Amino acid sequence: MEKNDKRERILRAALEMFLHKGYDGTAIPPIAKAAGVSVGTIYRYFESKESLINELFQETVNKLSRFIMKDYPAGYTAKEKFYYIFDKLYEFCKENNRAFLFINDNSYSYYLTKESNNCLTNFFEFIFKDLENFKQQGIVKNLPNNAYIALVYAPIEMAICLQHNNMLDLSEDILLELRESCWHAVRN
């Protein structure tokens, strides 16, 4: 069995355990059992449960960042960039539902290291850079950057949760209307 395969199995099992039981409710032995490895094997790859969740968090946020930044439309208008980010974020959530939930469940938690928090901050800074330009040009409302997370990220998160729990049929028409509503919430 390849070394990377074991590490990947550990990370997949840890993601599911952390989602199901949270950080405090998760122990290393059940992760090992779910991954099909010994407890000692986990400690060959990760110093502690804290280092395991931090590496998993950083890899998951970086996966989201790469997904959003790939083919980012540098010369587009504010509205086109907004649509791009909204669509890519939704696409990521749909394709990587567990990863998306994991990021949301663990963001800014007490056990995250400075590196993990910086990873998340760097993801948002990429978006905030354009946002600052659009605010200065008067294209979007002059709100604190984190308010935009509440206006844009949170509705996508909730729509995905409602869809996941069969409480919302997120058709293309509804998704487009949600995207347009979010744009109207932020534009001047």
N, C-alpha and C. Protein backbone atom coordinates (compact mmCIF):
# COMPACT_ATOMS: atom_id res chain seq x y z
N MET A 1 0.85 -1.18 0.00
CA MET A 1 0.00 0.00 0.00
C MET A 1 0.89 1.24 0.00
N GLU A 2 0.59 2.17 -0.86
CA GLU A 2 1.39 3.37 -0.97
C GLU A 2 1.19 4.30 0.21
N LYS A 3 2.25 5.02 0.53
CA LYS A 3 2.23 5.95 1.65
C LYS A 3 1.14 7.02 1.47
N ASN A 4 1.05 7.60 0.27
CA ASN A 4 0.05 8.65 0.02
C ASN A 4 -1.36 8.12 0.13
N ASP A 5 -1.58 6.86 -0.24
CA ASP A 5 -2.90 6.26 -0.14
C ASP A 5 -3.34 6.20 1.32
N LYS A 6 -2.44 5.80 2.20
CA LYS A 6 -2.77 5.73 3.64
C LYS A 6 -3.11 7.12 4.17
N ARG A 7 -2.29 8.08 3.80
CA ARG A 7 -2.52 9.44 4.27
C ARG A 7 -3.88 9.95 3.77
N GLU A 8 -4.18 9.70 2.52
CA GLU A 8 -5.48 10.13 1.97
C GLU A 8 -6.64 9.44 2.66
N ARG A 9 -6.50 8.17 2.96
CA ARG A 9 -7.57 7.45 3.67
C ARG A 9 -7.76 8.02 5.07
N ILE A 10 -6.67 8.36 5.72
CA ILE A 10 -6.74 8.96 7.05
C ILE A 10 -7.47 10.30 6.97
N LEU A 11 -7.11 11.12 5.99
CA LEU A 11 -7.75 12.43 5.84
C LEU A 11 -9.24 12.29 5.53
N ARG A 12 -9.60 11.36 4.66
CA ARG A 12 -11.03 11.15 4.33
C ARG A 12 -11.81 10.69 5.56
N ALA A 13 -11.22 9.75 6.30
CA ALA A 13 -11.90 9.24 7.51
C ALA A 13 -12.01 10.35 8.56
N ALA A 14 -10.96 11.14 8.71
CA ALA A 14 -10.97 12.24 9.68
C ALA A 14 -12.03 13.27 9.31
N LEU A 15 -12.13 13.59 8.04
CA LEU A 15 -13.14 14.55 7.60
C LEU A 15 -14.53 14.09 8.01
N GLU A 16 -14.84 12.84 7.76
CA GLU A 16 -16.16 12.31 8.12
C GLU A 16 -16.38 12.30 9.63
N MET A 17 -15.37 11.90 10.38
CA MET A 17 -15.48 11.86 11.85
C MET A 17 -15.66 13.26 12.43
N PHE A 18 -14.84 14.20 11.95
CA PHE A 18 -14.95 15.57 12.45
C PHE A 18 -16.31 16.17 12.10
N LEU A 19 -16.83 15.85 10.92
CA LEU A 19 -18.16 16.35 10.55
C LEU A 19 -19.24 15.74 11.42
N HIS A 20 -19.09 14.47 11.71
CA HIS A 20 -20.12 13.75 12.47
C HIS A 20 -20.08 14.06 13.97
N LYS A 21 -18.87 14.11 14.53
CA LYS A 21 -18.74 14.24 15.99
C LYS A 21 -18.08 15.54 16.46
N GLY A 22 -17.59 16.32 15.52
CA GLY A 22 -16.88 17.53 15.91
C GLY A 22 -15.46 17.21 16.37
N TYR A 23 -14.68 18.25 16.56
CA TYR A 23 -13.29 18.06 16.97
C TYR A 23 -13.21 17.44 18.36
N ASP A 24 -13.93 18.00 19.32
CA ASP A 24 -13.85 17.51 20.70
C ASP A 24 -14.41 16.11 20.86
N GLY A 25 -15.37 15.73 20.05
CA GLY A 25 -15.98 14.41 20.16
C GLY A 25 -15.29 13.33 19.37
N THR A 26 -14.23 13.68 18.67
CA THR A 26 -13.53 12.73 17.81
C THR A 26 -12.22 12.31 18.46
N ALA A 27 -11.98 11.01 18.46
CA ALA A 27 -10.72 10.46 18.96
C ALA A 27 -9.96 9.81 17.80
N ILE A 28 -8.68 9.64 17.97
CA ILE A 28 -7.83 9.06 16.92
C ILE A 28 -8.18 7.59 16.63
N PRO A 29 -8.43 6.72 17.63
CA PRO A 29 -8.70 5.32 17.31
C PRO A 29 -9.86 5.09 16.33
N PRO A 30 -11.00 5.77 16.46
CA PRO A 30 -12.06 5.57 15.45
C PRO A 30 -11.66 6.05 14.05
N ILE A 31 -10.84 7.09 13.98
CA ILE A 31 -10.35 7.54 12.67
C ILE A 31 -9.49 6.45 12.07
N ALA A 32 -8.61 5.87 12.88
CA ALA A 32 -7.74 4.79 12.40
C ALA A 32 -8.57 3.62 11.90
N LYS A 33 -9.57 3.24 12.66
CA LYS A 33 -10.42 2.12 12.27
C LYS A 33 -11.13 2.41 10.94
N ALA A 34 -11.70 3.60 10.82
CA ALA A 34 -12.41 3.97 9.59
C ALA A 34 -11.46 4.04 8.39
N ALA A 35 -10.21 4.42 8.63
CA ALA A 35 -9.22 4.52 7.55
C ALA A 35 -8.57 3.17 7.24
N GLY A 36 -8.78 2.19 8.11
CA GLY A 36 -8.17 0.88 7.91
C GLY A 36 -6.68 0.87 8.17
N VAL A 37 -6.26 1.69 9.14
CA VAL A 37 -4.84 1.74 9.52
C VAL A 37 -4.74 1.65 11.04
N SER A 38 -3.55 1.46 11.52
CA SER A 38 -3.35 1.42 12.97
C SER A 38 -3.26 2.85 13.51
N VAL A 39 -3.47 2.98 14.81
CA VAL A 39 -3.33 4.28 15.46
C VAL A 39 -1.91 4.81 15.26
N GLY A 40 -0.94 3.93 15.36
CA GLY A 40 0.46 4.32 15.18
C GLY A 40 0.72 4.90 13.79
N THR A 41 0.03 4.36 12.80
CA THR A 41 0.20 4.86 11.44
C THR A 41 -0.26 6.32 11.35
N ILE A 42 -1.34 6.63 12.02
CA ILE A 42 -1.81 8.02 12.00
C ILE A 42 -0.74 8.94 12.57
N TYR A 43 -0.10 8.49 13.67
CA TYR A 43 0.92 9.33 14.29
C TYR A 43 2.22 9.39 13.49
N ARG A 44 2.38 8.54 12.50
CA ARG A 44 3.52 8.67 11.58
C ARG A 44 3.30 9.85 10.63
N TYR A 45 2.04 10.11 10.34
CA TYR A 45 1.70 11.18 9.41
C TYR A 45 1.37 12.50 10.10
N PHE A 46 0.80 12.40 11.29
CA PHE A 46 0.33 13.59 12.01
C PHE A 46 0.76 13.52 13.46
N GLU A 47 1.30 14.62 13.98
CA GLU A 47 1.79 14.67 15.35
C GLU A 47 0.71 14.43 16.39
N SER A 48 -0.49 14.96 16.10
CA SER A 48 -1.57 14.93 17.07
C SER A 48 -2.90 15.09 16.34
N LYS A 49 -3.98 14.97 17.08
CA LYS A 49 -5.30 15.22 16.51
C LYS A 49 -5.38 16.66 16.02
N GLU A 50 -4.79 17.58 16.77
CA GLU A 50 -4.79 18.98 16.37
C GLU A 50 -4.05 19.19 15.05
N SER A 51 -2.90 18.55 14.90
CA SER A 51 -2.18 18.71 13.63
C SER A 51 -2.94 18.04 12.49
N LEU A 52 -3.63 16.95 12.77
CA LEU A 52 -4.44 16.29 11.75
C LEU A 52 -5.55 17.22 11.25
N ILE A 53 -6.31 17.79 12.17
CA ILE A 53 -7.41 18.66 11.72
C ILE A 53 -6.88 19.92 11.05
N ASN A 54 -5.73 20.42 11.49
CA ASN A 54 -5.17 21.61 10.85
C ASN A 54 -4.68 21.32 9.44
N GLU A 55 -4.01 20.20 9.24
CA GLU A 55 -3.57 19.85 7.89
C GLU A 55 -4.77 19.60 6.98
N LEU A 56 -5.78 18.93 7.51
CA LEU A 56 -7.00 18.68 6.75
C LEU A 56 -7.69 20.00 6.40
N PHE A 57 -7.76 20.91 7.35
CA PHE A 57 -8.40 22.20 7.12
C PHE A 57 -7.64 22.98 6.04
N GLN A 58 -6.32 23.04 6.16
CA GLN A 58 -5.52 23.79 5.19
C GLN A 58 -5.65 23.20 3.79
N GLU A 59 -5.59 21.88 3.68
CA GLU A 59 -5.73 21.24 2.37
C GLU A 59 -7.11 21.49 1.77
N THR A 60 -8.13 21.48 2.61
CA THR A 60 -9.50 21.68 2.13
C THR A 60 -9.72 23.12 1.68
N VAL A 61 -9.23 24.08 2.46
CA VAL A 61 -9.36 25.49 2.07
C VAL A 61 -8.54 25.75 0.80
N ASN A 62 -7.35 25.17 0.71
CA ASN A 62 -6.54 25.35 -0.50
C ASN A 62 -7.22 24.76 -1.73
N LYS A 63 -7.90 23.65 -1.54
CA LYS A 63 -8.66 23.04 -2.64
C LYS A 63 -9.76 24.01 -3.11
N LEU A 64 -10.47 24.61 -2.16
CA LEU A 64 -11.49 25.60 -2.50
C LEU A 64 -10.86 26.80 -3.20
N SER A 65 -9.75 27.29 -2.68
CA SER A 65 -9.06 28.45 -3.27
C SER A 65 -8.65 28.17 -4.71
N ARG A 66 -8.03 27.02 -4.94
CA ARG A 66 -7.61 26.67 -6.31
C ARG A 66 -8.81 26.60 -7.24
N PHE A 67 -9.90 26.05 -6.75
CA PHE A 67 -11.11 25.90 -7.55
C PHE A 67 -11.66 27.27 -7.95
N ILE A 68 -11.70 28.20 -7.01
CA ILE A 68 -12.24 29.54 -7.28
C ILE A 68 -11.27 30.34 -8.16
N MET A 69 -9.97 30.25 -7.89
CA MET A 69 -8.99 31.08 -8.59
C MET A 69 -8.69 30.59 -10.01
N LYS A 70 -8.95 29.32 -10.26
CA LYS A 70 -8.68 28.77 -11.60
C LYS A 70 -9.55 29.51 -12.61
N ASP A 71 -8.93 30.04 -13.63
CA ASP A 71 -9.63 30.77 -14.69
C ASP A 71 -10.35 32.01 -14.17
N TYR A 72 -9.85 32.61 -13.09
CA TYR A 72 -10.48 33.82 -12.55
C TYR A 72 -10.46 34.91 -13.62
N PRO A 73 -11.59 35.53 -13.87
CA PRO A 73 -11.70 36.51 -14.96
C PRO A 73 -11.12 37.88 -14.60
N ALA A 74 -9.83 38.06 -14.82
CA ALA A 74 -9.15 39.28 -14.39
C ALA A 74 -9.73 40.56 -15.00
N GLY A 75 -10.07 40.57 -16.27
CA GLY A 75 -10.50 41.80 -16.92
C GLY A 75 -12.00 42.02 -16.95
N TYR A 76 -12.75 41.28 -16.17
CA TYR A 76 -14.21 41.36 -16.22
C TYR A 76 -14.74 42.51 -15.36
N THR A 77 -16.02 42.81 -15.56
CA THR A 77 -16.68 43.83 -14.74
C THR A 77 -16.94 43.28 -13.34
N ALA A 78 -17.31 44.16 -12.45
CA ALA A 78 -17.62 43.74 -11.07
C ALA A 78 -18.74 42.71 -11.05
N LYS A 79 -19.78 42.95 -11.82
CA LYS A 79 -20.91 42.02 -11.85
C LYS A 79 -20.50 40.66 -12.41
N GLU A 80 -19.69 40.67 -13.46
CA GLU A 80 -19.23 39.40 -14.05
C GLU A 80 -18.35 38.63 -13.07
N LYS A 81 -17.49 39.34 -12.34
CA LYS A 81 -16.65 38.68 -11.34
C LYS A 81 -17.50 38.14 -10.20
N PHE A 82 -18.48 38.93 -9.79
CA PHE A 82 -19.39 38.47 -8.74
C PHE A 82 -20.08 37.19 -9.17
N TYR A 83 -20.62 37.18 -10.37
CA TYR A 83 -21.29 35.98 -10.89
C TYR A 83 -20.33 34.80 -10.95
N TYR A 84 -19.11 35.06 -11.40
CA TYR A 84 -18.11 33.99 -11.48
C TYR A 84 -17.86 33.38 -10.10
N ILE A 85 -17.61 34.22 -9.11
CA ILE A 85 -17.32 33.73 -7.76
C ILE A 85 -18.54 33.00 -7.20
N PHE A 86 -19.71 33.57 -7.36
CA PHE A 86 -20.93 32.93 -6.88
C PHE A 86 -21.10 31.55 -7.52
N ASP A 87 -20.98 31.49 -8.84
CA ASP A 87 -21.17 30.23 -9.56
C ASP A 87 -20.12 29.20 -9.17
N LYS A 88 -18.86 29.63 -9.06
CA LYS A 88 -17.79 28.70 -8.70
C LYS A 88 -17.95 28.21 -7.26
N LEU A 89 -18.35 29.09 -6.38
CA LEU A 89 -18.57 28.70 -4.99
C LEU A 89 -19.69 27.68 -4.91
N TYR A 90 -20.77 27.93 -5.62
CA TYR A 90 -21.88 26.97 -5.64
C TYR A 90 -21.43 25.64 -6.24
N GLU A 91 -20.70 25.71 -7.34
CA GLU A 91 -20.22 24.49 -8.00
C GLU A 91 -19.33 23.68 -7.06
N PHE A 92 -18.43 24.38 -6.35
CA PHE A 92 -17.57 23.68 -5.39
C PHE A 92 -18.40 23.01 -4.32
N CYS A 93 -19.37 23.75 -3.79
CA CYS A 93 -20.23 23.22 -2.72
C CYS A 93 -20.99 21.99 -3.19
N LYS A 94 -21.47 22.05 -4.39
CA LYS A 94 -22.24 20.94 -4.94
C LYS A 94 -21.36 19.71 -5.16
N GLU A 95 -20.16 19.93 -5.69
CA GLU A 95 -19.25 18.82 -6.00
C GLU A 95 -18.48 18.33 -4.78
N ASN A 96 -18.31 19.18 -3.79
CA ASN A 96 -17.49 18.86 -2.61
C ASN A 96 -18.25 19.21 -1.34
N ASN A 97 -19.46 18.72 -1.24
CA ASN A 97 -20.36 19.09 -0.15
C ASN A 97 -19.73 18.86 1.22
N ARG A 98 -19.10 17.72 1.41
CA ARG A 98 -18.51 17.40 2.71
C ARG A 98 -17.35 18.35 3.03
N ALA A 99 -16.54 18.66 2.04
CA ALA A 99 -15.43 19.59 2.24
C ALA A 99 -15.95 20.98 2.61
N PHE A 100 -16.99 21.42 1.92
CA PHE A 100 -17.59 22.72 2.19
C PHE A 100 -18.13 22.78 3.62
N LEU A 101 -18.85 21.73 4.03
CA LEU A 101 -19.38 21.68 5.39
C LEU A 101 -18.26 21.68 6.42
N PHE A 102 -17.18 20.95 6.12
CA PHE A 102 -16.03 20.88 7.02
C PHE A 102 -15.42 22.27 7.22
N ILE A 103 -15.23 23.00 6.13
CA ILE A 103 -14.67 24.35 6.24
C ILE A 103 -15.57 25.22 7.12
N ASN A 104 -16.87 25.18 6.85
CA ASN A 104 -17.80 26.00 7.62
C ASN A 104 -17.86 25.61 9.09
N ASP A 105 -17.82 24.33 9.37
CA ASP A 105 -17.89 23.86 10.76
C ASP A 105 -16.66 24.23 11.57
N ASN A 106 -15.52 24.38 10.91
CA ASN A 106 -14.27 24.54 11.65
C ASN A 106 -13.61 25.90 11.52
N SER A 107 -14.12 26.76 10.68
CA SER A 107 -13.51 28.08 10.50
C SER A 107 -13.44 28.84 11.82
N TYR A 108 -12.26 29.38 12.08
CA TYR A 108 -12.00 30.21 13.25
C TYR A 108 -12.20 29.49 14.58
N SER A 109 -12.07 28.18 14.59
CA SER A 109 -12.20 27.41 15.83
C SER A 109 -10.94 27.53 16.67
N TYR A 110 -11.08 27.28 17.96
CA TYR A 110 -9.97 27.46 18.91
C TYR A 110 -8.77 26.57 18.61
N TYR A 111 -8.97 25.44 18.00
CA TYR A 111 -7.88 24.50 17.75
C TYR A 111 -7.14 24.76 16.44
N LEU A 112 -7.62 25.70 15.65
CA LEU A 112 -6.91 26.01 14.41
C LEU A 112 -5.67 26.83 14.71
N THR A 113 -4.61 26.49 14.04
CA THR A 113 -3.35 27.20 14.20
C THR A 113 -3.39 28.51 13.42
N LYS A 114 -2.38 29.31 13.65
CA LYS A 114 -2.25 30.57 12.91
C LYS A 114 -2.17 30.28 11.41
N GLU A 115 -1.46 29.22 11.03
CA GLU A 115 -1.32 28.86 9.62
C GLU A 115 -2.68 28.53 9.00
N SER A 116 -3.51 27.81 9.74
CA SER A 116 -4.84 27.46 9.24
C SER A 116 -5.71 28.70 9.08
N ASN A 117 -5.68 29.57 10.08
CA ASN A 117 -6.46 30.81 9.98
C ASN A 117 -5.95 31.69 8.85
N ASN A 118 -4.63 31.72 8.66
CA ASN A 118 -4.05 32.49 7.55
C ASN A 118 -4.48 31.93 6.20
N CYS A 119 -4.60 30.64 6.13
CA CYS A 119 -5.04 29.98 4.89
C CYS A 119 -6.43 30.49 4.50
N LEU A 120 -7.32 30.55 5.46
CA LEU A 120 -8.67 31.04 5.21
C LEU A 120 -8.65 32.54 4.90
N THR A 121 -7.85 33.28 5.64
CA THR A 121 -7.73 34.72 5.41
C THR A 121 -7.20 34.99 4.00
N ASN A 122 -6.20 34.22 3.56
CA ASN A 122 -5.64 34.39 2.22
C ASN A 122 -6.68 34.14 1.14
N PHE A 123 -7.54 33.15 1.37
CA PHE A 123 -8.61 32.88 0.41
C PHE A 123 -9.51 34.10 0.27
N PHE A 124 -9.93 34.66 1.40
CA PHE A 124 -10.82 35.82 1.35
C PHE A 124 -10.10 37.06 0.84
N GLU A 125 -8.81 37.22 1.16
CA GLU A 125 -8.06 38.39 0.71
C GLU A 125 -8.01 38.47 -0.81
N PHE A 126 -7.93 37.32 -1.45
CA PHE A 126 -7.94 37.27 -2.91
C PHE A 126 -9.21 37.96 -3.45
N ILE A 127 -10.33 37.66 -2.84
CA ILE A 127 -11.61 38.24 -3.25
C ILE A 127 -11.72 39.70 -2.78
N PHE A 128 -11.25 39.96 -1.56
CA PHE A 128 -11.37 41.30 -1.00
C PHE A 128 -10.56 42.34 -1.79
N LYS A 129 -9.48 41.92 -2.45
CA LYS A 129 -8.67 42.86 -3.22
C LYS A 129 -9.52 43.52 -4.31
N ASP A 130 -10.25 42.72 -5.08
CA ASP A 130 -11.15 43.28 -6.09
C ASP A 130 -12.28 44.06 -5.44
N LEU A 131 -12.77 43.54 -4.35
CA LEU A 131 -13.89 44.18 -3.65
C LEU A 131 -13.53 45.61 -3.25
N GLU A 132 -12.32 45.81 -2.75
CA GLU A 132 -11.87 47.16 -2.36
C GLU A 132 -11.89 48.10 -3.56
N ASN A 133 -11.42 47.63 -4.71
CA ASN A 133 -11.45 48.46 -5.92
C ASN A 133 -12.88 48.83 -6.29
N PHE A 134 -13.78 47.86 -6.21
CA PHE A 134 -15.18 48.11 -6.57
C PHE A 134 -15.85 49.07 -5.59
N LYS A 135 -15.46 48.99 -4.32
CA LYS A 135 -16.00 49.94 -3.34
C LYS A 135 -15.52 51.35 -3.65
N GLN A 136 -14.22 51.49 -3.96
CA GLN A 136 -13.66 52.80 -4.27
C GLN A 136 -14.30 53.41 -5.51
N GLN A 137 -14.68 52.57 -6.46
CA GLN A 137 -15.32 53.04 -7.69
C GLN A 137 -16.82 53.29 -7.49
N GLY A 138 -17.35 52.93 -6.32
CA GLY A 138 -18.76 53.13 -6.05
C GLY A 138 -19.67 52.10 -6.70
N ILE A 139 -19.12 50.99 -7.13
CA ILE A 139 -19.91 49.95 -7.82
C ILE A 139 -20.68 49.11 -6.81
N VAL A 140 -20.05 48.86 -5.66
CA VAL A 140 -20.70 48.07 -4.61
C VAL A 140 -20.77 48.91 -3.34
N LYS A 141 -21.60 48.49 -2.43
CA LYS A 141 -21.79 49.21 -1.16
C LYS A 141 -20.49 49.25 -0.37
N ASN A 142 -20.29 50.33 0.35
CA ASN A 142 -19.09 50.49 1.16
C ASN A 142 -19.31 49.86 2.54
N LEU A 143 -19.30 48.55 2.56
CA LEU A 143 -19.48 47.78 3.80
C LEU A 143 -18.15 47.15 4.19
N PRO A 144 -18.00 46.77 5.46
CA PRO A 144 -16.81 46.01 5.82
C PRO A 144 -16.76 44.72 4.99
N ASN A 145 -15.57 44.31 4.64
CA ASN A 145 -15.41 43.13 3.79
C ASN A 145 -16.12 41.90 4.35
N ASN A 146 -16.03 41.72 5.66
CA ASN A 146 -16.66 40.54 6.26
C ASN A 146 -18.18 40.56 6.14
N ALA A 147 -18.77 41.75 5.98
CA ALA A 147 -20.22 41.82 5.76
C ALA A 147 -20.59 41.18 4.43
N TYR A 148 -19.68 41.21 3.49
CA TYR A 148 -19.93 40.56 2.19
C TYR A 148 -19.99 39.04 2.33
N ILE A 149 -19.27 38.52 3.30
CA ILE A 149 -19.36 37.07 3.55
C ILE A 149 -20.79 36.73 3.96
N ALA A 150 -21.37 37.56 4.82
CA ALA A 150 -22.74 37.33 5.26
C ALA A 150 -23.74 37.51 4.12
N LEU A 151 -23.48 38.45 3.23
CA LEU A 151 -24.42 38.74 2.14
C LEU A 151 -24.33 37.76 0.97
N VAL A 152 -23.17 37.13 0.79
CA VAL A 152 -22.98 36.29 -0.39
C VAL A 152 -22.70 34.83 -0.03
N TYR A 153 -21.74 34.61 0.84
CA TYR A 153 -21.33 33.25 1.19
C TYR A 153 -22.43 32.53 1.98
N ALA A 154 -23.00 33.22 2.95
CA ALA A 154 -24.01 32.60 3.82
C ALA A 154 -25.25 32.13 3.06
N PRO A 155 -25.79 32.91 2.10
CA PRO A 155 -26.94 32.39 1.36
C PRO A 155 -26.64 31.12 0.56
N ILE A 156 -25.45 31.05 -0.01
CA ILE A 156 -25.07 29.83 -0.74
C ILE A 156 -24.99 28.67 0.23
N GLU A 157 -24.34 28.91 1.36
CA GLU A 157 -24.21 27.87 2.39
C GLU A 157 -25.59 27.36 2.82
N MET A 158 -26.52 28.26 3.09
CA MET A 158 -27.84 27.86 3.55
C MET A 158 -28.62 27.14 2.44
N ALA A 159 -28.52 27.64 1.22
CA ALA A 159 -29.22 26.99 0.10
C ALA A 159 -28.72 25.56 -0.09
N ILE A 160 -27.41 25.36 0.03
CA ILE A 160 -26.84 24.01 -0.09
C ILE A 160 -27.35 23.13 1.04
N CYS A 161 -27.37 23.66 2.26
CA CYS A 161 -27.88 22.88 3.41
C CYS A 161 -29.34 22.50 3.21
N LEU A 162 -30.15 23.45 2.77
CA LEU A 162 -31.57 23.16 2.53
C LEU A 162 -31.75 22.13 1.43
N GLN A 163 -30.95 22.25 0.39
CA GLN A 163 -31.01 21.28 -0.70
C GLN A 163 -30.58 19.90 -0.21
N HIS A 164 -29.51 19.87 0.57
CA HIS A 164 -28.98 18.61 1.11
C HIS A 164 -30.02 17.90 1.99
N ASN A 165 -30.82 18.68 2.69
CA ASN A 165 -31.85 18.12 3.57
C ASN A 165 -33.22 18.01 2.89
N ASN A 166 -33.22 18.10 1.56
CA ASN A 166 -34.45 17.97 0.76
C ASN A 166 -35.53 18.98 1.15
N MET A 167 -35.10 20.16 1.54
CA MET A 167 -36.05 21.22 1.91
C MET A 167 -36.14 22.30 0.84
N LEU A 168 -35.29 22.20 -0.18
CA LEU A 168 -35.28 23.17 -1.27
C LEU A 168 -34.83 22.47 -2.54
N ASP A 169 -35.62 22.59 -3.58
CA ASP A 169 -35.22 22.10 -4.89
C ASP A 169 -34.49 23.25 -5.57
N LEU A 170 -33.19 23.19 -5.55
CA LEU A 170 -32.37 24.29 -6.05
C LEU A 170 -32.22 24.16 -7.57
N SER A 171 -33.29 24.49 -8.27
CA SER A 171 -33.28 24.43 -9.73
C SER A 171 -32.39 25.54 -10.27
N GLU A 172 -32.09 25.46 -11.55
CA GLU A 172 -31.25 26.49 -12.17
C GLU A 172 -31.92 27.86 -12.08
N ASP A 173 -33.24 27.91 -12.25
CA ASP A 173 -33.96 29.19 -12.16
C ASP A 173 -33.86 29.79 -10.76
N ILE A 174 -34.02 28.96 -9.75
CA ILE A 174 -33.91 29.46 -8.37
C ILE A 174 -32.49 29.91 -8.08
N LEU A 175 -31.51 29.14 -8.54
CA LEU A 175 -30.11 29.50 -8.33
C LEU A 175 -29.79 30.84 -9.00
N LEU A 176 -30.25 31.04 -10.22
CA LEU A 176 -30.00 32.31 -10.92
C LEU A 176 -30.68 33.47 -10.20
N GLU A 177 -31.87 33.24 -9.68
CA GLU A 177 -32.59 34.29 -8.94
C GLU A 177 -31.87 34.60 -7.62
N LEU A 178 -31.37 33.57 -6.96
CA LEU A 178 -30.59 33.76 -5.73
C LEU A 178 -29.33 34.57 -6.02
N ARG A 179 -28.64 34.22 -7.10
CA ARG A 179 -27.43 34.94 -7.49
C ARG A 179 -27.75 36.41 -7.76
N GLU A 180 -28.82 36.65 -8.50
CA GLU A 180 -29.21 38.03 -8.82
C GLU A 180 -29.61 38.79 -7.55
N SER A 181 -30.30 38.13 -6.64
CA SER A 181 -30.69 38.77 -5.37
C SER A 181 -29.46 39.14 -4.55
N CYS A 182 -28.47 38.26 -4.52
CA CYS A 182 -27.23 38.56 -3.79
C CYS A 182 -26.50 39.73 -4.44
N TRP A 183 -26.48 39.78 -5.77
CA TRP A 183 -25.85 40.90 -6.47
C TRP A 183 -26.56 42.21 -6.11
N HIS A 184 -27.88 42.19 -6.10
CA HIS A 184 -28.64 43.40 -5.75
C HIS A 184 -28.39 43.82 -4.30
N ALA A 185 -28.08 42.87 -3.45
CA ALA A 185 -27.80 43.19 -2.05
C ALA A 185 -26.47 43.93 -1.88
N VAL A 186 -25.53 43.71 -2.80
CA VAL A 186 -24.20 44.30 -2.64
C VAL A 186 -23.94 45.49 -3.57
N ARG A 187 -24.64 45.58 -4.67
CA ARG A 187 -24.34 46.65 -5.64
C ARG A 187 -24.91 47.99 -5.16
N ASN A 188 -24.30 49.04 -5.65
CA ASN A 188 -24.78 50.40 -5.35
C ASN A 188 -25.85 50.79 -6.32
